[in-house]
Amino acid sequence: MLKGAALFQPFAVDTRQSRKQVGLLVFDCVAFLVVRDGSVVLTVGERQHPIAFGHAVLIAPRTVFTYEPEGTATLTTLLVDVDYMLDQLYWQHPDVFADRYVVRQYAGALFPDAAHVLHVNGEDATRLILVLDEMTTLYERREYPASYFWLQARLSMLLGTLAPHVRAAPDALPVPVHQRRRSVESPARWREFRPARREALAVEALLRGNIAKRWNLALLCEHVHLSDKQLVRVFEDAYGSTPHRYLTMLRVAELARLLRETEVPVTVAIGRVGWNSRGHAAEIFQRHVGVTPARYRRYGPPTAASEW
């Protein structure tokens, strides 16, 4: 990360002037390079990109690059956590992406080049510099997390300025979720903002109150006096998920908490949340969290930059 960065923040920003070639750089996050003054030759792999004022470069995680100023040049480097950037893309396309798993899968296809040069000219270039100045000032105050929302607001302004200049590969977008079934359990997403029916609230309370119980639709239907089809429809309207998928997410979250906060053996923790098979539990946990329960216990949550 940049010099002086905290142990973890979703973004970091730095502005500096260079007169000689900058050595090989590689970050485990998304990097934006913005030329503020002068010009440089950016080298990514075997490709060279001459960039100057009015250019911004989006660089994919774990991409090795270097740049050499033509004389003297001033650049601002903005580093953004991968998951944070994927979240922005996720909410930018609500009609396309079913869940964050899909975003991660298609991000590389949307932006196939390791270095994506954006031509930002005129008022947009000036606005970009002003926003970066504000971000740099806020970041250098070291008042995180108090300044988080102000930094986030500036980042949104920056992405809003850059977005019209991004040329993604449209053919890489997935089929919208309403045209296919979701195959991966995911948090509430495709739902309307409206009051939930009391039956849905009652079922959610039952599941959350005893996640280790072997719940089935018939048992839940008895509690709320609905048919199985009615219950699934009512629950999905409220929580964007079937009762079974919702229970799975509750179990994943509780298992992660037990692995983080207690010393109970992994097998015991798996049993406490309601799973009998360690292999089955590991498969589900890895699907949601990205690592097996044993690896999560040993190393903690996976770094966001493990994938693009």
C-alpha atoms as a PDB file:
ATOM      1  CA  MET A   1       0.000   0.000   0.000  1.00  0.00           C
ATOM      2  CA  LEU A   2       1.023   3.625  -0.093  1.00  0.00           C
ATOM      3  CA  LYS A   3       3.395   5.013   2.497  1.00  0.00           C
ATOM      4  CA  GLY A   4       1.581   5.827   5.712  1.00  0.00           C
ATOM      5  CA  ALA A   5      -1.504   3.759   4.895  1.00  0.00           C
ATOM      6  CA  ALA A   6      -3.357   2.256   7.834  1.00  0.00           C
ATOM      7  CA  LEU A   7      -3.377  -1.514   8.359  1.00  0.00           C
ATOM      8  CA  PHE A   8      -6.580  -1.735   6.367  1.00  0.00           C
ATOM      9  CA  GLN A   9      -8.690   0.832   4.594  1.00  0.00           C
ATOM     10  CA  PRO A  10     -10.804   0.348   1.477  1.00  0.00           C
ATOM     11  CA  PHE A  11      -8.828   3.021  -0.370  1.00  0.00           C
ATOM     12  CA  ALA A  12      -5.585   4.976  -0.242  1.00  0.00           C
ATOM     13  CA  VAL A  13      -4.473   8.005  -2.250  1.00  0.00           C
ATOM     14  CA  ASP A  14      -1.118   9.654  -2.856  1.00  0.00           C
ATOM     15  CA  THR A  15       0.194  12.418  -5.141  1.00  0.00           C
ATOM     16  CA  ARG A  16       3.858  12.732  -6.018  1.00  0.00           C
ATOM     17  CA  GLN A  17       6.188  14.256  -8.601  1.00  0.00           C
ATOM     18  CA  SER A  18       8.717  12.127 -10.491  1.00  0.00           C
ATOM     19  CA  ARG A  19      11.737  12.953 -12.600  1.00  0.00           C
ATOM     20  CA  LYS A  20      13.019   9.437 -13.194  1.00  0.00           C
ATOM     21  CA  GLN A  21      11.593   6.004 -13.918  1.00  0.00           C
ATOM     22  CA  VAL A  22       9.555   4.474 -11.131  1.00  0.00           C
ATOM     23  CA  GLY A  23      10.610   0.894 -10.383  1.00  0.00           C
ATOM     24  CA  LEU A  24       8.369  -2.104 -10.965  1.00  0.00           C
ATOM     25  CA  LEU A  25       5.121  -1.776  -9.017  1.00  0.00           C
ATOM     26  CA  VAL A  26       2.411  -4.301  -8.251  1.00  0.00           C
ATOM     27  CA  PHE A  27      -0.583  -3.948  -5.920  1.00  0.00           C
ATOM     28  CA  ASP A  28      -3.072  -6.498  -4.603  1.00  0.00           C
ATOM     29  CA  CYS A  29      -5.898  -4.047  -5.259  1.00  0.00           C
ATOM     30  CA  VAL A  30      -7.338  -1.943  -8.078  1.00  0.00           C
ATOM     31  CA  ALA A  31      -5.095   0.993  -8.978  1.00  0.00           C
ATOM     32  CA  PHE A  32      -5.973   4.237 -10.726  1.00  0.00           C
ATOM     33  CA  LEU A  33      -3.177   6.394 -12.100  1.00  0.00           C
ATOM     34  CA  VAL A  34      -4.087   9.966 -13.018  1.00  0.00           C
ATOM     35  CA  VAL A  35      -1.581  12.281 -14.713  1.00  0.00           C
ATOM     36  CA  ARG A  36      -1.930  15.772 -13.287  1.00  0.00           C
ATOM     37  CA  ASP A  37       0.958  17.458 -15.026  1.00  0.00           C
ATOM     38  CA  GLY A  38       3.455  16.446 -17.698  1.00  0.00           C
ATOM     39  CA  SER A  39       3.488  13.066 -19.413  1.00  0.00           C
ATOM     40  CA  VAL A  40       4.824   9.568 -18.772  1.00  0.00           C
ATOM     41  CA  VAL A  41       5.303   6.312 -20.632  1.00  0.00           C
ATOM     42  CA  LEU A  42       3.466   3.556 -18.783  1.00  0.00           C
ATOM     43  CA  THR A  43       4.784   0.029 -19.354  1.00  0.00           C
ATOM     44  CA  VAL A  44       2.562  -2.961 -18.600  1.00  0.00           C
ATOM     45  CA  GLY A  45       4.090  -6.244 -19.690  1.00  0.00           C
ATOM     46  CA  GLU A  46       5.328  -5.732 -23.222  1.00  0.00           C
ATOM     47  CA  ARG A  47       2.949  -2.876 -23.966  1.00  0.00           C
ATOM     48  CA  GLN A  48       3.717   0.807 -23.583  1.00  0.00           C
ATOM     49  CA  HIS A  49       1.116   3.522 -23.140  1.00  0.00           C
ATOM     50  CA  PRO A  50       2.012   7.215 -23.483  1.00  0.00           C
ATOM     51  CA  ILE A  51      -0.235   9.053 -21.030  1.00  0.00           C
ATOM     52  CA  ALA A  52      -0.519  12.737 -20.163  1.00  0.00           C
ATOM     53  CA  PHE A  53      -2.913  15.201 -18.548  1.00  0.00           C
ATOM     54  CA  GLY A  54      -6.433  14.081 -19.380  1.00  0.00           C
ATOM     55  CA  HIS A  55      -5.574  10.400 -19.066  1.00  0.00           C
ATOM     56  CA  ALA A  56      -6.521   8.056 -16.242  1.00  0.00           C
ATOM     57  CA  VAL A  57      -5.438   4.412 -16.173  1.00  0.00           C
ATOM     58  CA  LEU A  58      -7.339   1.590 -14.480  1.00  0.00           C
ATOM     59  CA  ILE A  59      -4.904  -1.172 -13.551  1.00  0.00           C
ATOM     60  CA  ALA A  60      -6.084  -4.635 -12.521  1.00  0.00           C
ATOM     61  CA  PRO A  61      -4.877  -6.255  -9.277  1.00  0.00           C
ATOM     62  CA  ARG A  62      -1.516  -8.036  -9.303  1.00  0.00           C
ATOM     63  CA  THR A  63      -0.484  -6.337 -12.543  1.00  0.00           C
ATOM     64  CA  VAL A  64       3.208  -5.448 -12.725  1.00  0.00           C
ATOM     65  CA  PHE A  65       3.824  -2.014 -14.214  1.00  0.00           C
ATOM     66  CA  THR A  66       6.274   0.860 -14.288  1.00  0.00           C
ATOM     67  CA  TYR A  67       6.297   4.366 -15.705  1.00  0.00           C
ATOM     68  CA  GLU A  68       8.951   6.811 -16.819  1.00  0.00           C
ATOM     69  CA  PRO A  69       8.323  10.579 -16.873  1.00  0.00           C
ATOM     70  CA  GLU A  70       9.171  12.554 -19.978  1.00  0.00           C
ATOM     71  CA  GLY A  71      10.926  15.269 -18.072  1.00  0.00           C
ATOM     72  CA  THR A  72       8.958  15.907 -14.883  1.00  0.00           C
ATOM     73  CA  ALA A  73       5.471  14.587 -14.240  1.00  0.00           C
ATOM     74  CA  THR A  74       3.011  14.625 -11.361  1.00  0.00           C
ATOM     75  CA  LEU A  75       0.704  11.654 -10.818  1.00  0.00           C
ATOM     76  CA  THR A  76      -1.935  10.719  -8.295  1.00  0.00           C
ATOM     77  CA  THR A  77      -2.227   7.040  -7.405  1.00  0.00           C
ATOM     78  CA  LEU A  78      -5.527   5.822  -5.997  1.00  0.00           C
ATOM     79  CA  LEU A  79      -5.702   2.275  -4.619  1.00  0.00           C
ATOM     80  CA  VAL A  80      -9.099   0.683  -4.015  1.00  0.00           C
ATOM     81  CA  ASP A  81      -9.852  -2.635  -2.308  1.00  0.00           C
ATOM     82  CA  VAL A  82     -11.081  -5.258  -4.782  1.00  0.00           C
ATOM     83  CA  ASP A  83     -14.254  -6.172  -2.892  1.00  0.00           C
ATOM     84  CA  TYR A  84     -15.086  -2.486  -2.529  1.00  0.00           C
ATOM     85  CA  MET A  85     -14.746  -1.968  -6.289  1.00  0.00           C
ATOM     86  CA  LEU A  86     -16.787  -5.080  -7.034  1.00  0.00           C
ATOM     87  CA  ASP A  87     -19.504  -3.694  -4.779  1.00  0.00           C
ATOM     88  CA  GLN A  88     -19.620  -0.508  -6.863  1.00  0.00           C
ATOM     89  CA  LEU A  89     -19.958  -2.585 -10.043  1.00  0.00           C
ATOM     90  CA  TYR A  90     -22.568  -4.784  -8.374  1.00  0.00           C
ATOM     91  CA  TRP A  91     -24.874  -1.877  -7.580  1.00  0.00           C
ATOM     92  CA  GLN A  92     -24.145  -0.095 -10.863  1.00  0.00           C
ATOM     93  CA  HIS A  93     -25.816  -2.942 -12.785  1.00  0.00           C
ATOM     94  CA  PRO A  94     -28.835  -4.011 -10.689  1.00  0.00           C
ATOM     95  CA  ASP A  95     -30.613  -5.317 -13.790  1.00  0.00           C
ATOM     96  CA  VAL A  96     -27.793  -7.709 -14.664  1.00  0.00           C
ATOM     97  CA  PHE A  97     -25.890  -9.101 -11.698  1.00  0.00           C
ATOM     98  CA  ALA A  98     -27.711 -11.618  -9.524  1.00  0.00           C
ATOM     99  CA  ASP A  99     -25.188 -11.506  -6.702  1.00  0.00           C
ATOM    100  CA  ARG A 100     -21.577 -10.736  -5.867  1.00  0.00           C
ATOM    101  CA  TYR A 101     -20.448 -14.149  -7.036  1.00  0.00           C
ATOM    102  CA  VAL A 102     -21.512 -13.235 -10.553  1.00  0.00           C
ATOM    103  CA  VAL A 103     -19.754  -9.853 -10.350  1.00  0.00           C
ATOM    104  CA  ARG A 104     -16.467 -11.492  -9.403  1.00  0.00           C
ATOM    105  CA  GLN A 105     -16.866 -14.006 -12.207  1.00  0.00           C
ATOM    106  CA  TYR A 106     -17.459 -11.405 -14.911  1.00  0.00           C
ATOM    107  CA  ALA A 107     -15.242  -8.523 -13.790  1.00  0.00           C
ATOM    108  CA  GLY A 108     -12.238  -9.860 -15.645  1.00  0.00           C
ATOM    109  CA  ALA A 109     -14.304 -10.439 -18.783  1.00  0.00           C
ATOM    110  CA  LEU A 110     -15.751  -6.930 -18.627  1.00  0.00           C
ATOM    111  CA  PHE A 111     -12.270  -5.406 -18.413  1.00  0.00           C
ATOM    112  CA  PRO A 112      -9.979  -7.876 -20.196  1.00  0.00           C
ATOM    113  CA  ASP A 113      -6.955  -5.558 -20.375  1.00  0.00           C
ATOM    114  CA  ALA A 114      -4.623  -5.370 -17.399  1.00  0.00           C
ATOM    115  CA  ALA A 115      -4.309  -1.624 -18.013  1.00  0.00           C
ATOM    116  CA  HIS A 116      -7.396   0.259 -19.201  1.00  0.00           C
ATOM    117  CA  VAL A 117      -6.510   3.759 -20.444  1.00  0.00           C
ATOM    118  CA  LEU A 118      -9.334   6.292 -20.086  1.00  0.00           C
ATOM    119  CA  HIS A 119      -9.314   9.514 -22.081  1.00  0.00           C
ATOM    120  CA  VAL A 120     -10.766  12.123 -19.742  1.00  0.00           C
ATOM    121  CA  ASN A 121     -10.659  15.584 -21.271  1.00  0.00           C
ATOM    122  CA  GLY A 122     -12.060  19.059 -20.739  1.00  0.00           C
ATOM    123  CA  GLU A 123     -14.220  19.740 -17.702  1.00  0.00           C
ATOM    124  CA  ASP A 124     -14.122  16.101 -16.609  1.00  0.00           C
ATOM    125  CA  ALA A 125     -10.317  16.186 -16.350  1.00  0.00           C
ATOM    126  CA  THR A 126     -10.439  19.342 -14.237  1.00  0.00           C
ATOM    127  CA  ARG A 127     -13.195  17.893 -12.037  1.00  0.00           C
ATOM    128  CA  LEU A 128     -11.146  14.715 -11.615  1.00  0.00           C
ATOM    129  CA  ILE A 129      -8.140  16.667 -10.340  1.00  0.00           C
ATOM    130  CA  LEU A 130     -10.257  18.660  -7.885  1.00  0.00           C
ATOM    131  CA  VAL A 131     -11.835  15.497  -6.475  1.00  0.00           C
ATOM    132  CA  LEU A 132      -8.439  13.840  -6.118  1.00  0.00           C
ATOM    133  CA  ASP A 133      -7.125  16.922  -4.300  1.00  0.00           C
ATOM    134  CA  GLU A 134      -9.985  16.671  -1.807  1.00  0.00           C
ATOM    135  CA  MET A 135      -9.426  12.944  -1.360  1.00  0.00           C
ATOM    136  CA  THR A 136      -5.702  13.459  -0.797  1.00  0.00           C
ATOM    137  CA  THR A 137      -6.348  16.144   1.820  1.00  0.00           C
ATOM    138  CA  LEU A 138      -8.876  13.992   3.663  1.00  0.00           C
ATOM    139  CA  TYR A 139      -6.643  10.927   3.494  1.00  0.00           C
ATOM    140  CA  GLU A 140      -3.548  12.716   4.759  1.00  0.00           C
ATOM    141  CA  ARG A 141      -5.391  13.962   7.845  1.00  0.00           C
ATOM    142  CA  ARG A 142      -5.333  10.372   9.121  1.00  0.00           C
ATOM    143  CA  GLU A 143      -8.752  10.779  10.715  1.00  0.00           C
ATOM    144  CA  TYR A 144     -10.018   7.392   9.592  1.00  0.00           C
ATOM    145  CA  PRO A 145     -12.702   6.155  10.246  1.00  0.00           C
ATOM    146  CA  ALA A 146     -14.204   9.587  10.991  1.00  0.00           C
ATOM    147  CA  SER A 147     -13.432  10.700   7.413  1.00  0.00           C
ATOM    148  CA  TYR A 148     -14.659   7.485   5.782  1.00  0.00           C
ATOM    149  CA  PHE A 149     -17.986   8.796   4.509  1.00  0.00           C
ATOM    150  CA  TRP A 150     -16.409  11.978   3.163  1.00  0.00           C
ATOM    151  CA  LEU A 151     -13.788   9.910   1.346  1.00  0.00           C
ATOM    152  CA  GLN A 152     -16.473   7.562   0.066  1.00  0.00           C
ATOM    153  CA  ALA A 153     -18.475  10.503  -1.272  1.00  0.00           C
ATOM    154  CA  ARG A 154     -15.424  11.783  -3.165  1.00  0.00           C
ATOM    155  CA  LEU A 155     -14.707   8.313  -4.502  1.00  0.00           C
ATOM    156  CA  SER A 156     -18.275   8.123  -5.822  1.00  0.00           C
ATOM    157  CA  MET A 157     -17.771  11.483  -7.537  1.00  0.00           C
ATOM    158  CA  LEU A 158     -14.517  10.216  -9.048  1.00  0.00           C
ATOM    159  CA  LEU A 159     -16.092   6.993 -10.326  1.00  0.00           C
ATOM    160  CA  GLY A 160     -19.033   8.988 -11.656  1.00  0.00           C
ATOM    161  CA  THR A 161     -16.608  11.173 -13.620  1.00  0.00           C
ATOM    162  CA  LEU A 162     -14.681   8.185 -14.988  1.00  0.00           C
ATOM    163  CA  ALA A 163     -17.625   5.867 -15.730  1.00  0.00           C
ATOM    164  CA  PRO A 164     -18.738   7.554 -19.004  1.00  0.00           C
ATOM    165  CA  HIS A 165     -15.213   7.075 -20.356  1.00  0.00           C
ATOM    166  CA  VAL A 166     -14.973   3.356 -19.547  1.00  0.00           C
ATOM    167  CA  ARG A 167     -15.405   1.053 -22.509  1.00  0.00           C
ATOM    168  CA  ALA A 168     -16.342  -2.309 -21.038  1.00  0.00           C
ATOM    169  CA  ALA A 169     -16.932  -5.381 -23.176  1.00  0.00           C
ATOM    170  CA  PRO A 170     -20.768  -5.524 -23.398  1.00  0.00           C
ATOM    171  CA  ASP A 171     -20.826  -9.112 -24.688  1.00  0.00           C
ATOM    172  CA  ALA A 172     -19.262 -10.227 -21.407  1.00  0.00           C
ATOM    173  CA  LEU A 173     -22.298  -9.264 -19.320  1.00  0.00           C
ATOM    174  CA  PRO A 174     -24.236 -12.244 -17.942  1.00  0.00           C
ATOM    175  CA  VAL A 175     -27.872 -13.013 -18.619  1.00  0.00           C
ATOM    176  CA  PRO A 176     -30.068 -11.009 -16.191  1.00  0.00           C
ATOM    177  CA  VAL A 177     -31.204 -13.005 -13.179  1.00  0.00           C
ATOM    178  CA  HIS A 178     -34.888 -12.901 -14.106  1.00  0.00           C
ATOM    179  CA  GLN A 179     -34.057 -14.964 -17.208  1.00  0.00           C
ATOM    180  CA  ARG A 180     -32.442 -17.789 -15.285  1.00  0.00           C
ATOM    181  CA  ARG A 181     -32.411 -19.409 -11.865  1.00  0.00           C
ATOM    182  CA  ARG A 182     -29.774 -18.632  -9.305  1.00  0.00           C
ATOM    183  CA  SER A 183     -27.526 -21.589  -8.554  1.00  0.00           C
ATOM    184  CA  VAL A 184     -25.685 -20.041  -5.617  1.00  0.00           C
ATOM    185  CA  GLU A 185     -27.213 -19.069  -2.302  1.00  0.00           C
ATOM    186  CA  SER A 186     -26.912 -15.318  -1.830  1.00  0.00           C
ATOM    187  CA  PRO A 187     -28.092 -12.564   0.489  1.00  0.00           C
ATOM    188  CA  ALA A 188     -31.352 -10.722  -0.075  1.00  0.00           C
ATOM    189  CA  ARG A 189     -31.034  -8.897  -3.376  1.00  0.00           C
ATOM    190  CA  TRP A 190     -33.919  -9.226  -5.808  1.00  0.00           C
ATOM    191  CA  ARG A 191     -36.800  -7.873  -3.787  1.00  0.00           C
ATOM    192  CA  GLU A 192     -38.897  -4.771  -3.424  1.00  0.00           C
ATOM    193  CA  PHE A 193     -38.760  -2.371  -0.500  1.00  0.00           C
ATOM    194  CA  ARG A 194     -42.095  -3.015   1.136  1.00  0.00           C
ATOM    195  CA  PRO A 195     -43.341  -4.171   4.553  1.00  0.00           C
ATOM    196  CA  ALA A 196     -42.796  -7.851   5.249  1.00  0.00           C
ATOM    197  CA  ARG A 197     -45.738 -10.066   6.146  1.00  0.00           C
ATOM    198  CA  ARG A 198     -45.875 -11.270   9.729  1.00  0.00           C
ATOM    199  CA  GLU A 199     -45.583 -14.895   8.581  1.00  0.00           C
ATOM    200  CA  ALA A 200     -42.196 -14.143   6.995  1.00  0.00           C
ATOM    201  CA  LEU A 201     -41.030 -12.378  10.143  1.00  0.00           C
ATOM    202  CA  ALA A 202     -42.161 -15.317  12.260  1.00  0.00           C
ATOM    203  CA  VAL A 203     -40.288 -17.823  10.113  1.00  0.00           C
ATOM    204  CA  GLU A 204     -37.144 -15.692  10.127  1.00  0.00           C
ATOM    205  CA  ALA A 205     -37.309 -15.523  13.930  1.00  0.00           C
ATOM    206  CA  LEU A 206     -37.680 -19.308  14.129  1.00  0.00           C
ATOM    207  CA  LEU A 207     -34.669 -19.913  11.881  1.00  0.00           C
ATOM    208  CA  ARG A 208     -32.480 -17.348  13.614  1.00  0.00           C
ATOM    209  CA  GLY A 209     -33.548 -18.543  17.054  1.00  0.00           C
ATOM    210  CA  ASN A 210     -32.403 -22.107  16.444  1.00  0.00           C
ATOM    211  CA  ILE A 211     -30.130 -22.448  13.423  1.00  0.00           C
ATOM    212  CA  ALA A 212     -28.971 -25.928  14.445  1.00  0.00           C
ATOM    213  CA  LYS A 213     -32.465 -27.421  14.234  1.00  0.00           C
ATOM    214  CA  ARG A 214     -33.287 -29.600  11.217  1.00  0.00           C
ATOM    215  CA  TRP A 215     -35.931 -27.287   9.833  1.00  0.00           C
ATOM    216  CA  ASN A 216     -38.020 -28.269   6.818  1.00  0.00           C
ATOM    217  CA  LEU A 217     -40.837 -26.527   4.975  1.00  0.00           C
ATOM    218  CA  ALA A 218     -43.535 -28.714   6.488  1.00  0.00           C
ATOM    219  CA  LEU A 219     -42.455 -27.801  10.015  1.00  0.00           C
ATOM    220  CA  LEU A 220     -42.240 -24.098   9.211  1.00  0.00           C
ATOM    221  CA  CYS A 221     -45.631 -24.168   7.508  1.00  0.00           C
ATOM    222  CA  GLU A 222     -47.194 -25.609  10.658  1.00  0.00           C
ATOM    223  CA  HIS A 223     -46.009 -22.579  12.634  1.00  0.00           C
ATOM    224  CA  VAL A 224     -47.428 -19.936  10.282  1.00  0.00           C
ATOM    225  CA  HIS A 225     -50.401 -21.825   8.778  1.00  0.00           C
ATOM    226  CA  LEU A 226     -49.395 -21.380   5.131  1.00  0.00           C
ATOM    227  CA  SER A 227     -48.911 -23.862   2.326  1.00  0.00           C
ATOM    228  CA  ASP A 228     -45.343 -24.580   1.283  1.00  0.00           C
ATOM    229  CA  LYS A 229     -45.715 -22.560  -1.948  1.00  0.00           C
ATOM    230  CA  GLN A 230     -47.265 -19.627  -0.085  1.00  0.00           C
ATOM    231  CA  LEU A 231     -44.536 -19.670   2.537  1.00  0.00           C
ATOM    232  CA  VAL A 232     -41.713 -19.692  -0.004  1.00  0.00           C
ATOM    233  CA  ARG A 233     -43.318 -16.814  -1.933  1.00  0.00           C
ATOM    234  CA  VAL A 234     -43.957 -14.724   1.188  1.00  0.00           C
ATOM    235  CA  PHE A 235     -40.464 -15.349   2.550  1.00  0.00           C
ATOM    236  CA  GLU A 236     -38.739 -14.556  -0.736  1.00  0.00           C
ATOM    237  CA  ASP A 237     -40.724 -11.313  -1.003  1.00  0.00           C
ATOM    238  CA  ALA A 238     -39.417 -10.303   2.416  1.00  0.00           C
ATOM    239  CA  TYR A 239     -35.852 -11.624   2.393  1.00  0.00           C
ATOM    240  CA  GLY A 240     -34.988 -12.295  -1.246  1.00  0.00           C
ATOM    241  CA  SER A 241     -34.236 -15.921  -0.456  1.00  0.00           C
ATOM    242  CA  THR A 242     -35.970 -19.198   0.288  1.00  0.00           C
ATOM    243  CA  PRO A 243     -36.071 -20.288   3.943  1.00  0.00           C
ATOM    244  CA  HIS A 244     -33.509 -23.029   3.167  1.00  0.00           C
ATOM    245  CA  ARG A 245     -30.999 -20.616   1.583  1.00  0.00           C
ATOM    246  CA  TYR A 246     -31.555 -18.123   4.382  1.00  0.00           C
ATOM    247  CA  LEU A 247     -30.844 -20.777   7.011  1.00  0.00           C
ATOM    248  CA  THR A 248     -27.673 -21.713   5.137  1.00  0.00           C
ATOM    249  CA  MET A 249     -26.455 -18.110   5.293  1.00  0.00           C
ATOM    250  CA  LEU A 250     -27.230 -17.923   9.009  1.00  0.00           C
ATOM    251  CA  ARG A 251     -25.205 -21.073   9.578  1.00  0.00           C
ATOM    252  CA  VAL A 252     -22.278 -19.779   7.525  1.00  0.00           C
ATOM    253  CA  ALA A 253     -22.243 -16.513   9.477  1.00  0.00           C
ATOM    254  CA  GLU A 254     -22.410 -18.262  12.845  1.00  0.00           C
ATOM    255  CA  LEU A 255     -19.730 -20.780  11.882  1.00  0.00           C
ATOM    256  CA  ALA A 256     -17.450 -17.913  10.852  1.00  0.00           C
ATOM    257  CA  ARG A 257     -18.079 -16.238  14.223  1.00  0.00           C
ATOM    258  CA  LEU A 258     -17.282 -19.422  16.152  1.00  0.00           C
ATOM    259  CA  LEU A 259     -14.075 -19.896  14.178  1.00  0.00           C
ATOM    260  CA  ARG A 260     -13.019 -16.291  14.852  1.00  0.00           C
ATOM    261  CA  GLU A 261     -14.072 -15.844  18.449  1.00  0.00           C
ATOM    262  CA  THR A 262     -13.791 -19.266  20.086  1.00  0.00           C
ATOM    263  CA  GLU A 263     -11.292 -22.097  20.347  1.00  0.00           C
ATOM    264  CA  VAL A 264     -13.777 -24.938  19.827  1.00  0.00           C
ATOM    265  CA  PRO A 265     -12.574 -27.527  17.279  1.00  0.00           C
ATOM    266  CA  VAL A 266     -13.766 -27.008  13.729  1.00  0.00           C
ATOM    267  CA  THR A 267     -15.806 -30.218  13.781  1.00  0.00           C
ATOM    268  CA  VAL A 268     -17.564 -29.153  16.989  1.00  0.00           C
ATOM    269  CA  ALA A 269     -18.301 -25.704  15.552  1.00  0.00           C
ATOM    270  CA  ILE A 270     -19.782 -27.297  12.442  1.00  0.00           C
ATOM    271  CA  GLY A 271     -22.050 -29.443  14.594  1.00  0.00           C
ATOM    272  CA  ARG A 272     -23.176 -26.457  16.658  1.00  0.00           C
ATOM    273  CA  VAL A 273     -24.561 -24.680  13.617  1.00  0.00           C
ATOM    274  CA  GLY A 274     -26.514 -27.732  12.478  1.00  0.00           C
ATOM    275  CA  TRP A 275     -24.334 -29.558   9.942  1.00  0.00           C
ATOM    276  CA  ASN A 276     -23.462 -33.210  10.472  1.00  0.00           C
ATOM    277  CA  SER A 277     -20.967 -33.675   7.649  1.00  0.00           C
ATOM    278  CA  ARG A 278     -17.667 -31.801   7.806  1.00  0.00           C
ATOM    279  CA  GLY A 279     -17.153 -32.275   4.063  1.00  0.00           C
ATOM    280  CA  HIS A 280     -20.596 -30.867   3.230  1.00  0.00           C
ATOM    281  CA  ALA A 281     -20.103 -27.958   5.618  1.00  0.00           C
ATOM    282  CA  ALA A 282     -16.665 -27.167   4.179  1.00  0.00           C
ATOM    283  CA  GLU A 283     -18.058 -27.123   0.645  1.00  0.00           C
ATOM    284  CA  ILE A 284     -20.865 -24.716   1.568  1.00  0.00           C
ATOM    285  CA  PHE A 285     -18.622 -22.504   3.702  1.00  0.00           C
ATOM    286  CA  GLN A 286     -16.004 -22.222   0.957  1.00  0.00           C
ATOM    287  CA  ARG A 287     -18.697 -21.373  -1.595  1.00  0.00           C
ATOM    288  CA  HIS A 288     -19.814 -18.419   0.531  1.00  0.00           C
ATOM    289  CA  VAL A 289     -16.617 -17.244   2.211  1.00  0.00           C
ATOM    290  CA  GLY A 290     -13.947 -18.285  -0.260  1.00  0.00           C
ATOM    291  CA  VAL A 291     -11.936 -20.614   2.004  1.00  0.00           C
ATOM    292  CA  THR A 292     -12.557 -23.779   4.000  1.00  0.00           C
ATOM    293  CA  PRO A 293     -13.442 -23.523   7.708  1.00  0.00           C
ATOM    294  CA  ALA A 294     -10.006 -24.876   8.687  1.00  0.00           C
ATOM    295  CA  ARG A 295      -8.204 -22.283   6.583  1.00  0.00           C
ATOM    296  CA  TYR A 296     -10.489 -19.532   7.890  1.00  0.00           C
ATOM    297  CA  ARG A 297      -9.647 -20.570  11.460  1.00  0.00           C
ATOM    298  CA  ARG A 298      -5.916 -20.509  10.715  1.00  0.00           C
ATOM    299  CA  TYR A 299      -5.570 -17.397   8.566  1.00  0.00           C
ATOM    300  CA  GLY A 300      -8.777 -15.399   9.024  1.00  0.00           C
ATOM    301  CA  PRO A 301     -11.016 -14.071   6.214  1.00  0.00           C
ATOM    302  CA  PRO A 302      -9.473 -14.307   2.732  1.00  0.00           C
ATOM    303  CA  THR A 303      -7.941 -11.125   1.335  1.00  0.00           C
ATOM    304  CA  ALA A 304     -10.246  -9.335  -1.036  1.00  0.00           C
ATOM    305  CA  ALA A 305      -7.585  -9.294  -3.697  1.00  0.00           C
ATOM    306  CA  SER A 306      -7.301 -13.082  -4.046  1.00  0.00           C
ATOM    307  CA  GLU A 307      -9.334 -12.800  -7.243  1.00  0.00           C
ATOM    308  CA  TRP A 308     -10.130 -10.051  -9.741  1.00  0.00           C
END
